N, C-alpha and C. Protein backbone atom coordinates (compact mmCIF):
# COMPACT_ATOMS: atom_id res chain seq x y z
N UNK A 1 67.33 151.04 -134.14
CA UNK A 1 65.95 151.49 -133.98
C UNK A 1 65.10 150.87 -135.09
N UNK A 2 63.95 150.35 -134.70
CA UNK A 2 63.08 149.77 -135.72
C UNK A 2 61.84 150.65 -135.92
N UNK A 3 60.98 150.27 -136.82
CA UNK A 3 59.81 151.07 -137.17
C UNK A 3 58.87 151.24 -135.98
N UNK A 4 58.80 150.24 -135.11
CA UNK A 4 57.92 150.34 -133.95
C UNK A 4 58.36 151.45 -133.01
N UNK A 5 59.65 151.76 -132.99
CA UNK A 5 60.17 152.83 -132.14
C UNK A 5 59.81 154.21 -132.68
N UNK A 6 59.34 154.29 -133.90
CA UNK A 6 59.07 155.57 -134.52
C UNK A 6 57.59 155.97 -134.47
N UNK A 7 56.79 155.22 -133.73
CA UNK A 7 55.37 155.56 -133.67
C UNK A 7 55.17 156.88 -132.93
N UNK A 8 54.28 157.69 -133.45
CA UNK A 8 53.99 158.98 -132.84
C UNK A 8 53.32 158.80 -131.50
N UNK A 9 53.55 159.71 -130.56
CA UNK A 9 52.94 159.59 -129.24
C UNK A 9 51.42 159.52 -129.28
N UNK A 10 50.80 160.19 -130.25
CA UNK A 10 49.35 160.16 -130.31
C UNK A 10 48.78 158.79 -130.63
N UNK A 11 49.63 157.88 -131.09
CA UNK A 11 49.17 156.52 -131.38
C UNK A 11 49.36 155.60 -130.19
N UNK A 12 49.89 156.11 -129.10
CA UNK A 12 50.16 155.26 -127.95
C UNK A 12 49.14 155.44 -126.84
N UNK A 13 47.95 155.96 -127.16
CA UNK A 13 46.92 156.13 -126.15
C UNK A 13 46.48 154.79 -125.59
N UNK A 14 46.25 154.77 -124.32
CA UNK A 14 45.74 153.56 -123.70
C UNK A 14 44.22 153.57 -123.75
N UNK A 15 43.63 152.45 -123.45
CA UNK A 15 42.17 152.36 -123.41
C UNK A 15 41.61 153.28 -122.33
N UNK A 16 42.32 153.43 -121.22
CA UNK A 16 41.84 154.30 -120.14
C UNK A 16 41.81 155.76 -120.60
N UNK A 17 42.77 156.19 -121.38
CA UNK A 17 42.79 157.55 -121.91
C UNK A 17 41.61 157.74 -122.85
N UNK A 18 41.37 156.77 -123.72
CA UNK A 18 40.23 156.85 -124.63
C UNK A 18 38.91 156.91 -123.87
N UNK A 19 38.79 156.08 -122.83
CA UNK A 19 37.57 156.06 -122.03
C UNK A 19 37.38 157.40 -121.32
N UNK A 20 38.45 157.93 -120.76
CA UNK A 20 38.37 159.23 -120.07
C UNK A 20 37.99 160.34 -121.05
N UNK A 21 38.55 160.30 -122.24
CA UNK A 21 38.25 161.31 -123.26
C UNK A 21 36.78 161.24 -123.66
N UNK A 22 36.25 160.04 -123.86
CA UNK A 22 34.84 159.88 -124.21
C UNK A 22 33.94 160.41 -123.09
N UNK A 23 34.30 160.07 -121.85
CA UNK A 23 33.52 160.56 -120.71
C UNK A 23 33.53 162.09 -120.67
N UNK A 24 34.70 162.67 -120.83
CA UNK A 24 34.82 164.13 -120.76
C UNK A 24 34.07 164.80 -121.90
N UNK A 25 34.15 164.23 -123.09
CA UNK A 25 33.50 164.82 -124.26
C UNK A 25 31.98 164.77 -124.15
N UNK A 26 31.46 163.82 -123.38
CA UNK A 26 30.01 163.64 -123.33
C UNK A 26 29.38 164.07 -122.00
N UNK A 27 30.18 164.47 -121.03
CA UNK A 27 29.66 164.89 -119.73
C UNK A 27 29.57 166.41 -119.68
N UNK A 28 28.39 166.95 -119.44
CA UNK A 28 28.25 168.40 -119.35
C UNK A 28 29.15 168.98 -118.25
N UNK A 29 29.70 170.16 -118.45
CA UNK A 29 30.61 170.75 -117.47
C UNK A 29 30.05 170.81 -116.05
N UNK A 30 28.78 171.07 -115.89
CA UNK A 30 28.20 171.16 -114.54
C UNK A 30 28.14 169.82 -113.83
N UNK A 31 28.24 168.73 -114.58
CA UNK A 31 28.18 167.39 -113.98
C UNK A 31 29.57 166.82 -113.70
N UNK A 32 30.61 167.54 -114.05
CA UNK A 32 31.98 167.07 -113.82
C UNK A 32 32.45 167.46 -112.42
N UNK A 33 33.20 166.59 -111.77
CA UNK A 33 33.74 166.94 -110.45
C UNK A 33 34.83 168.00 -110.57
N UNK A 34 35.03 168.72 -109.49
CA UNK A 34 36.09 169.73 -109.46
C UNK A 34 36.93 169.51 -108.21
N UNK A 35 38.20 169.64 -108.32
CA UNK A 35 39.01 169.92 -109.51
C UNK A 35 39.04 168.70 -110.44
N UNK A 36 39.04 168.97 -111.71
CA UNK A 36 38.86 167.93 -112.72
C UNK A 36 40.04 166.96 -112.82
N UNK A 37 41.26 167.47 -112.88
CA UNK A 37 42.41 166.58 -113.12
C UNK A 37 42.57 165.55 -112.00
N UNK A 38 42.56 165.94 -110.73
CA UNK A 38 42.67 164.90 -109.69
C UNK A 38 41.50 163.91 -109.71
N UNK A 39 40.31 164.40 -110.02
CA UNK A 39 39.15 163.51 -110.09
C UNK A 39 39.31 162.49 -111.21
N UNK A 40 39.76 162.95 -112.37
CA UNK A 40 39.96 162.02 -113.49
C UNK A 40 41.09 161.05 -113.22
N UNK A 41 42.12 161.51 -112.52
CA UNK A 41 43.21 160.60 -112.15
C UNK A 41 42.67 159.44 -111.33
N UNK A 42 41.81 159.76 -110.37
CA UNK A 42 41.24 158.73 -109.51
C UNK A 42 40.22 157.87 -110.25
N UNK A 43 39.34 158.50 -111.02
CA UNK A 43 38.28 157.77 -111.72
C UNK A 43 38.81 156.78 -112.74
N UNK A 44 39.86 157.17 -113.47
CA UNK A 44 40.34 156.35 -114.58
C UNK A 44 41.72 155.74 -114.35
N UNK A 45 42.33 156.02 -113.20
CA UNK A 45 43.65 155.45 -112.90
C UNK A 45 44.75 155.99 -113.79
N UNK A 46 44.67 157.28 -114.12
CA UNK A 46 45.62 157.90 -115.04
C UNK A 46 46.63 158.76 -114.29
N UNK A 47 47.75 159.01 -114.94
CA UNK A 47 48.72 159.99 -114.44
C UNK A 47 48.23 161.37 -114.87
N UNK A 48 48.84 162.41 -114.33
CA UNK A 48 48.47 163.77 -114.72
C UNK A 48 48.71 163.99 -116.21
N UNK A 49 49.80 163.46 -116.73
CA UNK A 49 50.10 163.60 -118.16
C UNK A 49 49.04 162.89 -119.00
N UNK A 50 48.61 161.72 -118.55
CA UNK A 50 47.58 160.98 -119.28
C UNK A 50 46.24 161.70 -119.23
N UNK A 51 45.93 162.35 -118.10
CA UNK A 51 44.70 163.14 -118.02
C UNK A 51 44.75 164.27 -119.03
N UNK A 52 45.91 164.92 -119.13
CA UNK A 52 46.06 166.00 -120.12
C UNK A 52 45.85 165.48 -121.53
N UNK A 53 46.37 164.29 -121.81
CA UNK A 53 46.16 163.69 -123.13
C UNK A 53 44.69 163.39 -123.37
N UNK A 54 43.98 162.94 -122.33
CA UNK A 54 42.56 162.66 -122.50
C UNK A 54 41.76 163.95 -122.70
N UNK A 55 42.17 165.03 -122.05
CA UNK A 55 41.50 166.33 -122.25
C UNK A 55 41.70 166.79 -123.68
N UNK A 56 42.92 166.65 -124.19
CA UNK A 56 43.20 167.03 -125.58
C UNK A 56 42.36 166.18 -126.54
N UNK A 57 42.29 164.89 -126.27
CA UNK A 57 41.52 164.00 -127.13
C UNK A 57 40.02 164.34 -127.06
N UNK A 58 39.52 164.69 -125.88
CA UNK A 58 38.11 165.07 -125.73
C UNK A 58 37.81 166.32 -126.57
N UNK A 59 38.74 167.25 -126.61
CA UNK A 59 38.55 168.45 -127.43
C UNK A 59 38.47 168.08 -128.91
N UNK A 60 39.28 167.12 -129.33
CA UNK A 60 39.23 166.67 -130.72
C UNK A 60 37.90 165.97 -131.02
N UNK A 61 37.43 165.18 -130.07
CA UNK A 61 36.14 164.48 -130.24
C UNK A 61 35.03 165.50 -130.43
N UNK A 62 35.00 166.52 -129.56
CA UNK A 62 33.97 167.55 -129.66
C UNK A 62 34.08 168.33 -130.96
N UNK A 63 35.31 168.61 -131.40
CA UNK A 63 35.50 169.36 -132.64
C UNK A 63 35.02 168.57 -133.85
N UNK A 64 35.25 167.26 -133.83
CA UNK A 64 34.79 166.43 -134.94
C UNK A 64 33.27 166.33 -134.98
N UNK A 65 32.63 166.43 -133.82
CA UNK A 65 31.18 166.32 -133.74
C UNK A 65 30.48 167.60 -134.20
N UNK A 66 31.20 168.71 -134.19
CA UNK A 66 30.58 169.98 -134.55
C UNK A 66 30.42 170.14 -136.05
């Protein structure tokens, strides 16, 4: 095992996850489609797990802005 194998999962975000997180953090709840997870899967080409990661990242973005 080398050092590259030891990277934390939070460092393996894709650009699509980052883009989805930015969209979610900046889109008012009333403007988001429902149900959210399937809509984000289609909009950003993410898996359900990746959508969850983008939701978590969006929460961090909002927390840092407060």
